[in-house]
PDB file of N, CA and C in Angstrom:
ATOM      1  N   MET A   1      -0.880  12.048 -10.493  1.00  0.00           N
ATOM      2  CA  MET A   1       0.405  11.397 -10.376  1.00  0.00           C
ATOM      3  C   MET A   1       1.377  12.340  -9.676  1.00  0.00           C
ATOM      4  N   LEU A   2       2.167  11.771  -8.796  1.00  0.00           N
ATOM      5  CA  LEU A   2       3.139  12.580  -8.080  1.00  0.00           C
ATOM      6  C   LEU A   2       4.330  12.881  -8.969  1.00  0.00           C
ATOM      7  N   ASP A   3       4.811  14.078  -8.878  1.00  0.00           N
ATOM      8  CA  ASP A   3       5.985  14.471  -9.648  1.00  0.00           C
ATOM      9  C   ASP A   3       7.220  14.134  -8.817  1.00  0.00           C
ATOM     10  N   PRO A   4       8.041  13.152  -9.276  1.00  0.00           N
ATOM     11  CA  PRO A   4       9.195  12.741  -8.474  1.00  0.00           C
ATOM     12  C   PRO A   4      10.224  13.833  -8.286  1.00  0.00           C
ATOM     13  N   ARG A   5      10.188  14.885  -9.116  1.00  0.00           N
ATOM     14  CA  ARG A   5      11.149  15.969  -8.956  1.00  0.00           C
ATOM     15  C   ARG A   5      10.802  16.864  -7.778  1.00  0.00           C
ATOM     16  N   THR A   6       9.541  16.866  -7.350  1.00  0.00           N
ATOM     17  CA  THR A   6       9.136  17.741  -6.258  1.00  0.00           C
ATOM     18  C   THR A   6       8.723  16.984  -4.998  1.00  0.00           C
ATOM     19  N   THR A   7       8.750  15.667  -5.033  1.00  0.00           N
ATOM     20  CA  THR A   7       8.320  14.872  -3.896  1.00  0.00           C
ATOM     21  C   THR A   7       9.504  14.091  -3.357  1.00  0.00           C
ATOM     22  N   SER A   8       9.770  14.218  -2.073  1.00  0.00           N
ATOM     23  CA  SER A   8      10.901  13.499  -1.481  1.00  0.00           C
ATOM     24  C   SER A   8      10.544  12.031  -1.291  1.00  0.00           C
ATOM     25  N   SER A   9      11.564  11.188  -1.259  1.00  0.00           N
ATOM     26  CA  SER A   9      11.322   9.761  -1.046  1.00  0.00           C
ATOM     27  C   SER A   9      10.713   9.515   0.332  1.00  0.00           C
ATOM     28  N   ARG A  10      11.072  10.338   1.304  1.00  0.00           N
ATOM     29  CA  ARG A  10      10.510  10.171   2.651  1.00  0.00           C
ATOM     30  C   ARG A  10       8.990  10.394   2.648  1.00  0.00           C
ATOM     31  N   SER A  11       8.497  11.409   1.937  1.00  0.00           N
ATOM     32  CA  SER A  11       7.057  11.656   1.919  1.00  0.00           C
ATOM     33  C   SER A  11       6.331  10.599   1.104  1.00  0.00           C
ATOM     34  N   LEU A  12       6.974  10.060   0.055  1.00  0.00           N
ATOM     35  CA  LEU A  12       6.355   8.975  -0.709  1.00  0.00           C
ATOM     36  C   LEU A  12       6.173   7.749   0.162  1.00  0.00           C
ATOM     37  N   ILE A  13       7.194   7.405   0.945  1.00  0.00           N
ATOM     38  CA  ILE A  13       7.112   6.241   1.803  1.00  0.00           C
ATOM     39  C   ILE A  13       6.050   6.442   2.873  1.00  0.00           C
ATOM     40  N   ALA A  14       5.914   7.645   3.387  1.00  0.00           N
ATOM     41  CA  ALA A  14       4.928   7.920   4.427  1.00  0.00           C
ATOM     42  C   ALA A  14       3.503   7.749   3.918  1.00  0.00           C
ATOM     43  N   THR A  15       3.268   7.846   2.613  1.00  0.00           N
ATOM     44  CA  THR A  15       1.916   7.732   2.083  1.00  0.00           C
ATOM     45  C   THR A  15       1.548   6.309   1.685  1.00  0.00           C
ATOM     46  N   ARG A  16       2.457   5.369   1.735  1.00  0.00           N
ATOM     47  CA  ARG A  16       2.175   3.982   1.361  1.00  0.00           C
ATOM     48  C   ARG A  16       1.325   3.311   2.438  1.00  0.00           C
ATOM     49  N   ARG A  17       0.442   2.391   1.973  1.00  0.00           N
ATOM     50  CA  ARG A  17      -0.403   1.658   2.909  1.00  0.00           C
ATOM     51  C   ARG A  17       0.380   0.618   3.695  1.00  0.00           C
ATOM     52  N   SER A  18       1.421   0.058   3.079  1.00  0.00           N
ATOM     53  CA  SER A  18       2.275  -0.903   3.774  1.00  0.00           C
ATOM     54  C   SER A  18       3.680  -0.829   3.187  1.00  0.00           C
ATOM     55  N   GLN A  19       4.638  -1.285   3.963  1.00  0.00           N
ATOM     56  CA  GLN A  19       6.036  -1.230   3.541  1.00  0.00           C
ATOM     57  C   GLN A  19       6.285  -2.176   2.371  1.00  0.00           C
ATOM     58  N   ARG A  20       7.134  -1.753   1.460  1.00  0.00           N
ATOM     59  CA  ARG A  20       7.566  -2.611   0.351  1.00  0.00           C
ATOM     60  C   ARG A  20       8.854  -3.297   0.747  1.00  0.00           C
ATOM     61  N   VAL A  21       8.983  -4.562   0.333  1.00  0.00           N
ATOM     62  CA  VAL A  21      10.175  -5.337   0.627  1.00  0.00           C
ATOM     63  C   VAL A  21      10.645  -5.986  -0.672  1.00  0.00           C
ATOM     64  N   VAL A  22      11.914  -5.797  -1.007  1.00  0.00           N
ATOM     65  CA  VAL A  22      12.481  -6.459  -2.174  1.00  0.00           C
ATOM     66  C   VAL A  22      12.621  -7.929  -1.822  1.00  0.00           C
ATOM     67  N   ALA A  23      11.931  -8.803  -2.575  1.00  0.00           N
ATOM     68  CA  ALA A  23      11.961 -10.236  -2.279  1.00  0.00           C
ATOM     69  C   ALA A  23      11.702 -11.030  -3.553  1.00  0.00           C
ATOM     70  N   ARG A  24      12.506 -12.030  -3.776  1.00  0.00           N
ATOM     71  CA  ARG A  24      12.352 -12.900  -4.938  1.00  0.00           C
ATOM     72  C   ARG A  24      11.654 -14.169  -4.451  1.00  0.00           C
ATOM     73  N   ILE A  25      10.354 -14.243  -4.700  1.00  0.00           N
ATOM     74  CA  ILE A  25       9.533 -15.366  -4.254  1.00  0.00           C
ATOM     75  C   ILE A  25       8.912 -16.016  -5.493  1.00  0.00           C
ATOM     76  N   ARG A  26       9.060 -17.326  -5.614  1.00  0.00           N
ATOM     77  CA  ARG A  26       8.491 -18.037  -6.773  1.00  0.00           C
ATOM     78  C   ARG A  26       6.972 -18.075  -6.670  1.00  0.00           C
ATOM     79  N   VAL A  27       6.332 -17.695  -7.762  1.00  0.00           N
ATOM     80  CA  VAL A  27       4.872 -17.688  -7.832  1.00  0.00           C
ATOM     81  C   VAL A  27       4.409 -18.294  -9.156  1.00  0.00           C
ATOM     82  N   GLN A  28       3.191 -18.776  -9.145  1.00  0.00           N
ATOM     83  CA  GLN A  28       2.525 -19.173 -10.383  1.00  0.00           C
ATOM     84  C   GLN A  28       1.373 -18.207 -10.570  1.00  0.00           C
ATOM     85  N   VAL A  29       1.312 -17.601 -11.744  1.00  0.00           N
ATOM     86  CA  VAL A  29       0.257 -16.637 -12.055  1.00  0.00           C
ATOM     87  C   VAL A  29      -0.654 -17.285 -13.082  1.00  0.00           C
ATOM     88  N   ARG A  30      -1.952 -17.240 -12.807  1.00  0.00           N
ATOM     89  CA  ARG A  30      -2.935 -17.856 -13.700  1.00  0.00           C
ATOM     90  C   ARG A  30      -3.986 -16.832 -14.081  1.00  0.00           C
ATOM     91  N   ARG A  31      -4.343 -16.822 -15.370  1.00  0.00           N
ATOM     92  CA  ARG A  31      -5.405 -15.937 -15.843  1.00  0.00           C
ATOM     93  C   ARG A  31      -6.358 -16.728 -16.718  1.00  0.00           C
ATOM     94  N   GLN A  32      -7.599 -16.273 -16.730  1.00  0.00           N
ATOM     95  CA  GLN A  32      -8.604 -16.911 -17.582  1.00  0.00           C
ATOM     96  C   GLN A  32      -8.453 -16.381 -19.004  1.00  0.00           C
ATOM     97  N   THR A  33      -8.600 -17.268 -19.985  1.00  0.00           N
ATOM     98  CA  THR A  33      -8.508 -16.864 -21.390  1.00  0.00           C
ATOM     99  C   THR A  33      -9.902 -16.647 -21.953  1.00  0.00           C
ATOM    100  N   ASP A  34      -9.958 -16.070 -23.134  1.00  0.00           N
ATOM    101  CA  ASP A  34     -11.245 -15.772 -23.770  1.00  0.00           C
ATOM    102  C   ASP A  34     -12.084 -17.019 -24.050  1.00  0.00           C
ATOM    103  N   ASN A  35     -11.455 -18.159 -24.262  1.00  0.00           N
ATOM    104  CA  ASN A  35     -12.209 -19.373 -24.588  1.00  0.00           C
ATOM    105  C   ASN A  35     -12.470 -20.254 -23.366  1.00  0.00           C
ATOM    106  N   ASP A  36     -12.643 -19.655 -22.212  1.00  0.00           N
ATOM    107  CA  ASP A  36     -12.948 -20.329 -20.938  1.00  0.00           C
ATOM    108  C   ASP A  36     -11.856 -21.279 -20.460  1.00  0.00           C
ATOM    109  N   GLY A  37     -10.649 -21.113 -20.968  1.00  0.00           N
ATOM    110  CA  GLY A  37      -9.519 -21.885 -20.488  1.00  0.00           C
ATOM    111  C   GLY A  37      -8.671 -21.038 -19.559  1.00  0.00           C
ATOM    112  N   PHE A  38      -7.521 -21.577 -19.198  1.00  0.00           N
ATOM    113  CA  PHE A  38      -6.601 -20.846 -18.331  1.00  0.00           C
ATOM    114  C   PHE A  38      -5.205 -20.848 -18.936  1.00  0.00           C
ATOM    115  N   MET A  39      -4.478 -19.781 -18.661  1.00  0.00           N
ATOM    116  CA  MET A  39      -3.088 -19.665 -19.043  1.00  0.00           C
ATOM    117  C   MET A  39      -2.324 -19.432 -17.749  1.00  0.00           C
ATOM    118  N   SER A  40      -1.187 -20.105 -17.593  1.00  0.00           N
ATOM    119  CA  SER A  40      -0.413 -19.884 -16.369  1.00  0.00           C
ATOM    120  C   SER A  40       1.066 -19.747 -16.701  1.00  0.00           C
ATOM    121  N   GLU A  41       1.775 -19.139 -15.769  1.00  0.00           N
ATOM    122  CA  GLU A  41       3.208 -18.905 -15.917  1.00  0.00           C
ATOM    123  C   GLU A  41       3.850 -18.943 -14.536  1.00  0.00           C
ATOM    124  N   VAL A  42       4.986 -19.597 -14.438  1.00  0.00           N
ATOM    125  CA  VAL A  42       5.762 -19.587 -13.206  1.00  0.00           C
ATOM    126  C   VAL A  42       6.785 -18.466 -13.339  1.00  0.00           C
ATOM    127  N   SER A  43       6.842 -17.621 -12.323  1.00  0.00           N
ATOM    128  CA  SER A  43       7.749 -16.483 -12.338  1.00  0.00           C
ATOM    129  C   SER A  43       8.193 -16.207 -10.905  1.00  0.00           C
ATOM    130  N   HIS A  44       8.582 -14.965 -10.643  1.00  0.00           N
ATOM    131  CA  HIS A  44       8.997 -14.571  -9.301  1.00  0.00           C
ATOM    132  C   HIS A  44       8.639 -13.112  -9.058  1.00  0.00           C
ATOM    133  N   THR A  45       8.543 -12.777  -7.791  1.00  0.00           N
ATOM    134  CA  THR A  45       8.266 -11.397  -7.411  1.00  0.00           C
ATOM    135  C   THR A  45       9.555 -10.597  -7.452  1.00  0.00           C
ATOM    136  N   LEU A  46       9.395  -9.304  -7.646  1.00  0.00           N
ATOM    137  CA  LEU A  46      10.514  -8.365  -7.540  1.00  0.00           C
ATOM    138  C   LEU A  46      10.421  -7.606  -6.222  1.00  0.00           C
ATOM    139  N   VAL A  47       9.193  -7.213  -5.882  1.00  0.00           N
ATOM    140  CA  VAL A  47       8.891  -6.453  -4.663  1.00  0.00           C
ATOM    141  C   VAL A  47       7.552  -6.957  -4.143  1.00  0.00           C
ATOM    142  N   VAL A  48       7.419  -7.069  -2.822  1.00  0.00           N
ATOM    143  CA  VAL A  48       6.147  -7.489  -2.221  1.00  0.00           C
ATOM    144  C   VAL A  48       5.741  -6.509  -1.127  1.00  0.00           C
ATOM    145  N   ASN A  49       4.453  -6.487  -0.823  1.00  0.00           N
ATOM    146  CA  ASN A  49       3.939  -5.778   0.354  1.00  0.00           C
ATOM    147  C   ASN A  49       2.656  -6.465   0.792  1.00  0.00           C
ATOM    148  N   ALA A  50       2.036  -5.977   1.836  1.00  0.00           N
ATOM    149  CA  ALA A  50       0.829  -6.606   2.371  1.00  0.00           C
ATOM    150  C   ALA A  50      -0.357  -6.520   1.420  1.00  0.00           C
ATOM    151  N   HIS A  51      -0.260  -5.657   0.425  1.00  0.00           N
ATOM    152  CA  HIS A  51      -1.375  -5.441  -0.492  1.00  0.00           C
ATOM    153  C   HIS A  51      -1.154  -6.006  -1.885  1.00  0.00           C
ATOM    154  N   GLY A  52       0.024  -6.585  -2.152  1.00  0.00           N
ATOM    155  CA  GLY A  52       0.264  -7.127  -3.481  1.00  0.00           C
ATOM    156  C   GLY A  52       1.731  -7.332  -3.778  1.00  0.00           C
ATOM    157  N   ALA A  53       2.086  -7.165  -5.071  1.00  0.00           N
ATOM    158  CA  ALA A  53       3.470  -7.421  -5.481  1.00  0.00           C
ATOM    159  C   ALA A  53       3.744  -6.817  -6.850  1.00  0.00           C
ATOM    160  N   LEU A  54       5.017  -6.734  -7.155  1.00  0.00           N
ATOM    161  CA  LEU A  54       5.489  -6.411  -8.493  1.00  0.00           C
ATOM    162  C   LEU A  54       6.119  -7.704  -9.007  1.00  0.00           C
ATOM    163  N   ILE A  55       5.605  -8.196 -10.151  1.00  0.00           N
ATOM    164  CA  ILE A  55       6.011  -9.494 -10.688  1.00  0.00           C
ATOM    165  C   ILE A  55       6.452  -9.314 -12.128  1.00  0.00           C
ATOM    166  N   ARG A  56       7.488 -10.012 -12.536  1.00  0.00           N
ATOM    167  CA  ARG A  56       7.931  -9.987 -13.931  1.00  0.00           C
ATOM    168  C   ARG A  56       7.224 -11.134 -14.663  1.00  0.00           C
ATOM    169  N   LEU A  57       6.508 -10.795 -15.755  1.00  0.00           N
ATOM    170  CA  LEU A  57       5.750 -11.792 -16.516  1.00  0.00           C
ATOM    171  C   LEU A  57       5.974 -11.669 -18.011  1.00  0.00           C
ATOM    172  N   ALA A  58       6.038 -12.797 -18.698  1.00  0.00           N
ATOM    173  CA  ALA A  58       6.020 -12.820 -20.158  1.00  0.00           C
ATOM    174  C   ALA A  58       4.567 -12.820 -20.636  1.00  0.00           C
ATOM    175  N   MET A  59       3.662 -13.333 -19.812  1.00  0.00           N
ATOM    176  CA  MET A  59       2.239 -13.376 -20.129  1.00  0.00           C
ATOM    177  C   MET A  59       1.707 -11.959 -20.323  1.00  0.00           C
ATOM    178  N   LYS A  60       0.917 -11.754 -21.341  1.00  0.00           N
ATOM    179  CA  LYS A  60       0.329 -10.440 -21.589  1.00  0.00           C
ATOM    180  C   LYS A  60      -0.924 -10.277 -20.744  1.00  0.00           C
ATOM    181  N   VAL A  61      -0.941  -9.222 -19.932  1.00  0.00           N
ATOM    182  CA  VAL A  61      -2.085  -8.908 -19.076  1.00  0.00           C
ATOM    183  C   VAL A  61      -2.443  -7.442 -19.254  1.00  0.00           C
ATOM    184  N   GLN A  62      -3.653  -7.094 -18.829  1.00  0.00           N
ATOM    185  CA  GLN A  62      -4.123  -5.710 -18.956  1.00  0.00           C
ATOM    186  C   GLN A  62      -4.548  -5.180 -17.601  1.00  0.00           C
ATOM    187  N   ALA A  63      -4.522  -3.865 -17.467  1.00  0.00           N
ATOM    188  CA  ALA A  63      -4.970  -3.217 -16.233  1.00  0.00           C
ATOM    189  C   ALA A  63      -6.383  -3.671 -15.895  1.00  0.00           C
ATOM    190  N   SER A  64      -6.650  -3.882 -14.620  1.00  0.00           N
ATOM    191  CA  SER A  64      -7.928  -4.307 -14.041  1.00  0.00           C
ATOM    192  C   SER A  64      -8.225  -5.795 -14.216  1.00  0.00           C
ATOM    193  N   GLU A  65      -7.384  -6.522 -14.909  1.00  0.00           N
ATOM    194  CA  GLU A  65      -7.594  -7.956 -15.098  1.00  0.00           C
ATOM    195  C   GLU A  65      -7.363  -8.693 -13.783  1.00  0.00           C
ATOM    196  N   LEU A  66      -8.211  -9.693 -13.495  1.00  0.00           N
ATOM    197  CA  LEU A  66      -8.055 -10.502 -12.292  1.00  0.00           C
ATOM    198  C   LEU A  66      -7.120 -11.673 -12.575  1.00  0.00           C
ATOM    199  N   LEU A  67      -6.217 -11.938 -11.632  1.00  0.00           N
ATOM    200  CA  LEU A  67      -5.259 -13.032 -11.745  1.00  0.00           C
ATOM    201  C   LEU A  67      -5.261 -13.835 -10.455  1.00  0.00           C
ATOM    202  N   ALA A  68      -4.944 -15.124 -10.573  1.00  0.00           N
ATOM    203  CA  ALA A  68      -4.729 -15.963  -9.396  1.00  0.00           C
ATOM    204  C   ALA A  68      -3.226 -16.032  -9.174  1.00  0.00           C
ATOM    205  N   ILE A  69      -2.778 -15.733  -7.942  1.00  0.00           N
ATOM    206  CA  ILE A  69      -1.364 -15.739  -7.588  1.00  0.00           C
ATOM    207  C   ILE A  69      -1.149 -16.870  -6.588  1.00  0.00           C
ATOM    208  N   LYS A  70      -0.318 -17.851  -6.960  1.00  0.00           N
ATOM    209  CA  LYS A  70      -0.026 -18.968  -6.064  1.00  0.00           C
ATOM    210  C   LYS A  70       1.410 -18.867  -5.581  1.00  0.00           C
ATOM    211  N   HIS A  71       1.586 -18.861  -4.278  1.00  0.00           N
ATOM    212  CA  HIS A  71       2.901 -18.846  -3.632  1.00  0.00           C
ATOM    213  C   HIS A  71       3.423 -20.286  -3.719  1.00  0.00           C
ATOM    214  N   LEU A  72       4.462 -20.535  -4.505  1.00  0.00           N
ATOM    215  CA  LEU A  72       4.900 -21.904  -4.766  1.00  0.00           C
ATOM    216  C   LEU A  72       5.591 -22.568  -3.581  1.00  0.00           C
ATOM    217  N   ASN A  73       6.076 -21.814  -2.607  1.00  0.00           N
ATOM    218  CA  ASN A  73       6.667 -22.431  -1.415  1.00  0.00           C
ATOM    219  C   ASN A  73       5.603 -22.896  -0.430  1.00  0.00           C
ATOM    220  N   SER A  74       4.541 -22.126  -0.263  1.00  0.00           N
ATOM    221  CA  SER A  74       3.502 -22.467   0.715  1.00  0.00           C
ATOM    222  C   SER A  74       2.292 -23.145   0.089  1.00  0.00           C
ATOM    223  N   GLY A  75       2.089 -22.972  -1.214  1.00  0.00           N
ATOM    224  CA  GLY A  75       0.909 -23.534  -1.873  1.00  0.00           C
ATOM    225  C   GLY A  75      -0.323 -22.658  -1.743  1.00  0.00           C
ATOM    226  N   GLU A  76      -0.218 -21.559  -1.002  1.00  0.00           N
ATOM    227  CA  GLU A  76      -1.362 -20.662  -0.829  1.00  0.00           C
ATOM    228  C   GLU A  76      -1.652 -19.906  -2.119  1.00  0.00           C
ATOM    229  N   GLU A  77      -2.918 -19.535  -2.303  1.00  0.00           N
ATOM    230  CA  GLU A  77      -3.314 -18.798  -3.498  1.00  0.00           C
ATOM    231  C   GLU A  77      -4.234 -17.645  -3.126  1.00  0.00           C
ATOM    232  N   LYS A  78      -4.014 -16.511  -3.767  1.00  0.00           N
ATOM    233  CA  LYS A  78      -4.845 -15.316  -3.564  1.00  0.00           C
ATOM    234  C   LYS A  78      -5.219 -14.742  -4.923  1.00  0.00           C
ATOM    235  N   GLN A  79      -6.313 -14.021  -4.945  1.00  0.00           N
ATOM    236  CA  GLN A  79      -6.721 -13.336  -6.168  1.00  0.00           C
ATOM    237  C   GLN A  79      -6.211 -11.899  -6.122  1.00  0.00           C
ATOM    238  N   GLY A  80      -5.733 -11.427  -7.276  1.00  0.00           N
ATOM    239  CA  GLY A  80      -5.241 -10.067  -7.364  1.00  0.00           C
ATOM    240  C   GLY A  80      -5.695  -9.407  -8.651  1.00  0.00           C
ATOM    241  N   ARG A  81      -5.623  -8.094  -8.658  1.00  0.00           N
ATOM    242  CA  ARG A  81      -6.017  -7.291  -9.816  1.00  0.00           C
ATOM    243  C   ARG A  81      -4.789  -6.558 -10.338  1.00  0.00           C
ATOM    244  N   VAL A  82      -4.629  -6.561 -11.668  1.00  0.00           N
ATOM    245  CA  VAL A  82      -3.515  -5.843 -12.281  1.00  0.00           C
ATOM    246  C   VAL A  82      -3.769  -4.347 -12.137  1.00  0.00           C
ATOM    247  N   VAL A  83      -2.831  -3.630 -11.527  1.00  0.00           N
ATOM    248  CA  VAL A  83      -2.978  -2.183 -11.361  1.00  0.00           C
ATOM    249  C   VAL A  83      -1.974  -1.401 -12.195  1.00  0.00           C
ATOM    250  N   GLY A  84      -1.040  -2.117 -12.818  1.00  0.00           N
ATOM    251  CA  GLY A  84      -0.080  -1.433 -13.675  1.00  0.00           C
ATOM    252  C   GLY A  84       0.772  -2.418 -14.445  1.00  0.00           C
ATOM    253  N   VAL A  85       1.140  -2.040 -15.661  1.00  0.00           N
ATOM    254  CA  VAL A  85       2.015  -2.859 -16.496  1.00  0.00           C
ATOM    255  C   VAL A  85       3.062  -1.943 -17.100  1.00  0.00           C
ATOM    256  N   ARG A  86       4.329  -2.318 -16.926  1.00  0.00           N
ATOM    257  CA  ARG A  86       5.420  -1.538 -17.495  1.00  0.00           C
ATOM    258  C   ARG A  86       6.262  -2.469 -18.366  1.00  0.00           C
ATOM    259  N   ALA A  87       6.413  -2.119 -19.634  1.00  0.00           N
ATOM    260  CA  ALA A  87       7.186  -2.940 -20.561  1.00  0.00           C
ATOM    261  C   ALA A  87       8.648  -2.988 -20.142  1.00  0.00           C
ATOM    262  N   GLU A  88       9.243  -4.140 -20.299  1.00  0.00           N
ATOM    263  CA  GLU A  88      10.647  -4.340 -19.969  1.00  0.00           C
ATOM    264  C   GLU A  88      11.334  -4.995 -21.146  1.00  0.00           C
ATOM    265  N   VAL A  89      12.535  -5.454 -20.928  1.00  0.00           N
ATOM    266  CA  VAL A  89      13.314  -6.112 -21.977  1.00  0.00           C
ATOM    267  C   VAL A  89      13.048  -7.614 -21.985  1.00  0.00           C
ATOM    268  N   ALA A  90      13.525  -8.274 -23.017  1.00  0.00           N
ATOM    269  CA  ALA A  90      13.440  -9.732 -23.149  1.00  0.00           C
ATOM    270  C   ALA A  90      11.999 -10.237 -23.114  1.00  0.00           C
ATOM    271  N   SER A  91      11.100  -9.493 -23.727  1.00  0.00           N
ATOM    272  CA  SER A  91       9.694  -9.912 -23.862  1.00  0.00           C
ATOM    273  C   SER A  91       8.982 -10.132 -22.527  1.00  0.00           C
ATOM    274  N   GLN A  92       9.416  -9.451 -21.491  1.00  0.00           N
ATOM    275  CA  GLN A  92       8.733  -9.543 -20.204  1.00  0.00           C
ATOM    276  C   GLN A  92       8.306  -8.167 -19.739  1.00  0.00           C
ATOM    277  N   ASN A  93       7.257  -8.142 -18.920  1.00  0.00           N
ATOM    278  CA  ASN A  93       6.739  -6.905 -18.348  1.00  0.00           C
ATOM    279  C   ASN A  93       6.831  -6.966 -16.836  1.00  0.00           C
ATOM    280  N   GLU A  94       6.963  -5.797 -16.218  1.00  0.00           N
ATOM    281  CA  GLU A  94       6.809  -5.699 -14.771  1.00  0.00           C
ATOM    282  C   GLU A  94       5.340  -5.408 -14.533  1.00  0.00           C
ATOM    283  N   VAL A  95       4.689  -6.295 -13.781  1.00  0.00           N
ATOM    284  CA  VAL A  95       3.252  -6.206 -13.555  1.00  0.00           C
ATOM    285  C   VAL A  95       2.992  -5.950 -12.073  1.00  0.00           C
ATOM    286  N   ALA A  96       2.312  -4.845 -11.772  1.00  0.00           N
ATOM    287  CA  ALA A  96       1.930  -4.521 -10.396  1.00  0.00           C
ATOM    288  C   ALA A  96       0.563  -5.138 -10.128  1.00  0.00           C
ATOM    289  N   ILE A  97       0.483  -5.908  -9.054  1.00  0.00           N
ATOM    290  CA  ILE A  97      -0.744  -6.613  -8.702  1.00  0.00           C
ATOM    291  C   ILE A  97      -1.154  -6.214  -7.297  1.00  0.00           C
ATOM    292  N   GLU A  98      -2.432  -5.914  -7.137  1.00  0.00           N
ATOM    293  CA  GLU A  98      -3.001  -5.597  -5.825  1.00  0.00           C
ATOM    294  C   GLU A  98      -3.967  -6.714  -5.460  1.00  0.00           C
ATOM    295  N   PHE A  99      -3.806  -7.295  -4.267  1.00  0.00           N
ATOM    296  CA  PHE A  99      -4.731  -8.330  -3.822  1.00  0.00           C
ATOM    297  C   PHE A  99      -6.137  -7.747  -3.707  1.00  0.00           C
ATOM    298  N   THR A 100      -7.154  -8.578  -3.931  1.00  0.00           N
ATOM    299  CA  THR A 100      -8.533  -8.110  -3.790  1.00  0.00           C
ATOM    300  C   THR A 100      -8.860  -7.839  -2.319  1.00  0.00           C
ATOM    301  N   ALA A 101      -8.104  -8.436  -1.407  1.00  0.00           N
ATOM    302  CA  ALA A 101      -8.198  -8.147   0.032  1.00  0.00           C
ATOM    303  C   ALA A 101      -6.772  -8.182   0.582  1.00  0.00           C
ATOM    304  N   PRO A 102      -6.406  -7.264   1.491  1.00  0.00           N
ATOM    305  CA  PRO A 102      -5.046  -7.270   2.040  1.00  0.00           C
ATOM    306  C   PRO A 102      -4.677  -8.643   2.596  1.00  0.00           C
ATOM    307  N   ALA A 103      -3.444  -9.055   2.371  1.00  0.00           N
ATOM    308  CA  ALA A 103      -2.987 -10.377   2.815  1.00  0.00           C
ATOM    309  C   ALA A 103      -1.561 -10.288   3.361  1.00  0.00           C
ATOM    310  N   PRO A 104      -1.374  -9.639   4.515  1.00  0.00           N
ATOM    311  CA  PRO A 104      -0.022  -9.421   5.033  1.00  0.00           C
ATOM    312  C   PRO A 104       0.737 -10.697   5.368  1.00  0.00           C
ATOM    313  N   ARG A 105       0.085 -11.824   5.564  1.00  0.00           N
ATOM    314  CA  ARG A 105       0.764 -13.084   5.906  1.00  0.00           C
ATOM    315  C   ARG A 105       1.042 -13.956   4.676  1.00  0.00           C
ATOM    316  N   PHE A 106       0.525 -13.568   3.516  1.00  0.00           N
ATOM    317  CA  PHE A 106       0.650 -14.380   2.305  1.00  0.00           C
ATOM    318  C   PHE A 106       2.104 -14.645   1.930  1.00  0.00           C
ATOM    319  N   TRP A 107       2.970 -13.655   2.065  1.00  0.00           N
ATOM    320  CA  TRP A 107       4.362 -13.795   1.628  1.00  0.00           C
ATOM    321  C   TRP A 107       5.238 -14.486   2.674  1.00  0.00           C
ATOM    322  N   HIS A 108       4.739 -14.704   3.886  1.00  0.00           N
ATOM    323  CA  HIS A 108       5.481 -15.367   4.959  1.00  0.00           C
ATOM    324  C   HIS A 108       6.772 -14.620   5.307  1.00  0.00           C
ATOM    325  N   ILE A 109       6.666 -13.300   5.338  1.00  0.00           N
ATOM    326  CA  ILE A 109       7.775 -12.472   5.800  1.00  0.00           C
ATOM    327  C   ILE A 109       7.214 -11.449   6.786  1.00  0.00           C
ATOM    328  N   ASP A 110       8.075 -10.910   7.609  1.00  0.00           N
ATOM    329  CA  ASP A 110       7.666  -9.857   8.539  1.00  0.00           C
ATOM    330  C   ASP A 110       7.977  -8.519   7.892  1.00  0.00           C
ATOM    331  N   PHE A 111       6.942  -7.703   7.713  1.00  0.00           N
ATOM    332  CA  PHE A 111       7.133  -6.385   7.132  1.00  0.00           C
ATOM    333  C   PHE A 111       7.618  -5.420   8.206  1.00  0.00           C
ATOM    334  N   PRO A 112       8.430  -4.446   7.821  1.00  0.00           N
ATOM    335  CA  PRO A 112       8.883  -3.446   8.800  1.00  0.00           C
ATOM    336  C   PRO A 112       7.679  -2.734   9.427  1.00  0.00           C
ATOM    337  N   PRO A 113       7.779  -2.334  10.679  1.00  0.00           N
ATOM    338  CA  PRO A 113       6.663  -1.636  11.320  1.00  0.00           C
ATOM    339  C   PRO A 113       6.385  -0.291  10.651  1.00  0.00           C
ATOM    340  N   ALA A 114       5.169   0.198  10.837  1.00  0.00           N
ATOM    341  CA  ALA A 114       4.736   1.452  10.211  1.00  0.00           C
ATOM    342  C   ALA A 114       5.607   2.638  10.613  1.00  0.00           C
ATOM    343  N   ASP A 115       6.186   2.593  11.824  1.00  0.00           N
ATOM    344  CA  ASP A 115       7.002   3.721  12.278  1.00  0.00           C
ATOM    345  C   ASP A 115       8.488   3.533  11.954  1.00  0.00           C
ATOM    346  N   TRP A 116       8.798   2.651  11.044  1.00  0.00           N
ATOM    347  CA  TRP A 116      10.180   2.395  10.617  1.00  0.00           C
ATOM    348  C   TRP A 116      10.801   3.692  10.152  1.00  0.00           C
ATOM    349  N   GLN A 117      11.998   3.994  10.612  1.00  0.00           N
ATOM    350  CA  GLN A 117      12.666   5.240  10.251  1.00  0.00           C
ATOM    351  C   GLN A 117      13.765   4.981   9.234  1.00  0.00           C
ATOM    352  N   LEU A 118      13.796   5.783   8.175  1.00  0.00           N
ATOM    353  CA  LEU A 118      14.867   5.716   7.196  1.00  0.00           C
ATOM    354  C   LEU A 118      16.082   6.474   7.723  1.00  0.00           C
ATOM    355  N   LEU A 119      17.259   5.933   7.468  1.00  0.00           N
ATOM    356  CA  LEU A 119      18.465   6.621   7.855  1.00  0.00           C
ATOM    357  C   LEU A 119      18.932   7.482   6.699  1.00  0.00           C
ATOM    358  N   GLU A 120      19.363   8.672   7.007  1.00  0.00           N
ATOM    359  CA  GLU A 120      19.897   9.581   5.990  1.00  0.00           C
ATOM    360  C   GLU A 120      21.273   9.104   5.586  1.00  0.00           C
ATOM    361  N   ASP A 121      21.608   9.218   4.308  1.00  0.00           N
ATOM    362  CA  ASP A 121      22.947   8.864   3.814  1.00  0.00           C
ATOM    363  C   ASP A 121      23.951   9.895   4.216  1.00  0.00           C
TER     364      ASP A 121
END
């Protein structure tokens, strides 16, 4: 794990596979239950990139669990794997999801180019 006290934000951004974009996109998340049924929840993204998203969910999920992510505006659906869960307030978690295959067109937004330069404050 990178130590944020010794790593600059510029070097962190340079190591990402794709740019992150803050975007609130309505999604339906579906997971298989133990009794061969499905559980689903409509929510929204907090951050998206070509490889996945950060989504706020009340549904309890675990790392490595496979989920179906449906983009409610386009109707498209992709499979993703939970790569992180962070507890939040109001009985919801921030869930990091990585697509099983990169899907840069799934969110229907244009991501900044790889050589995008940050401006210093």
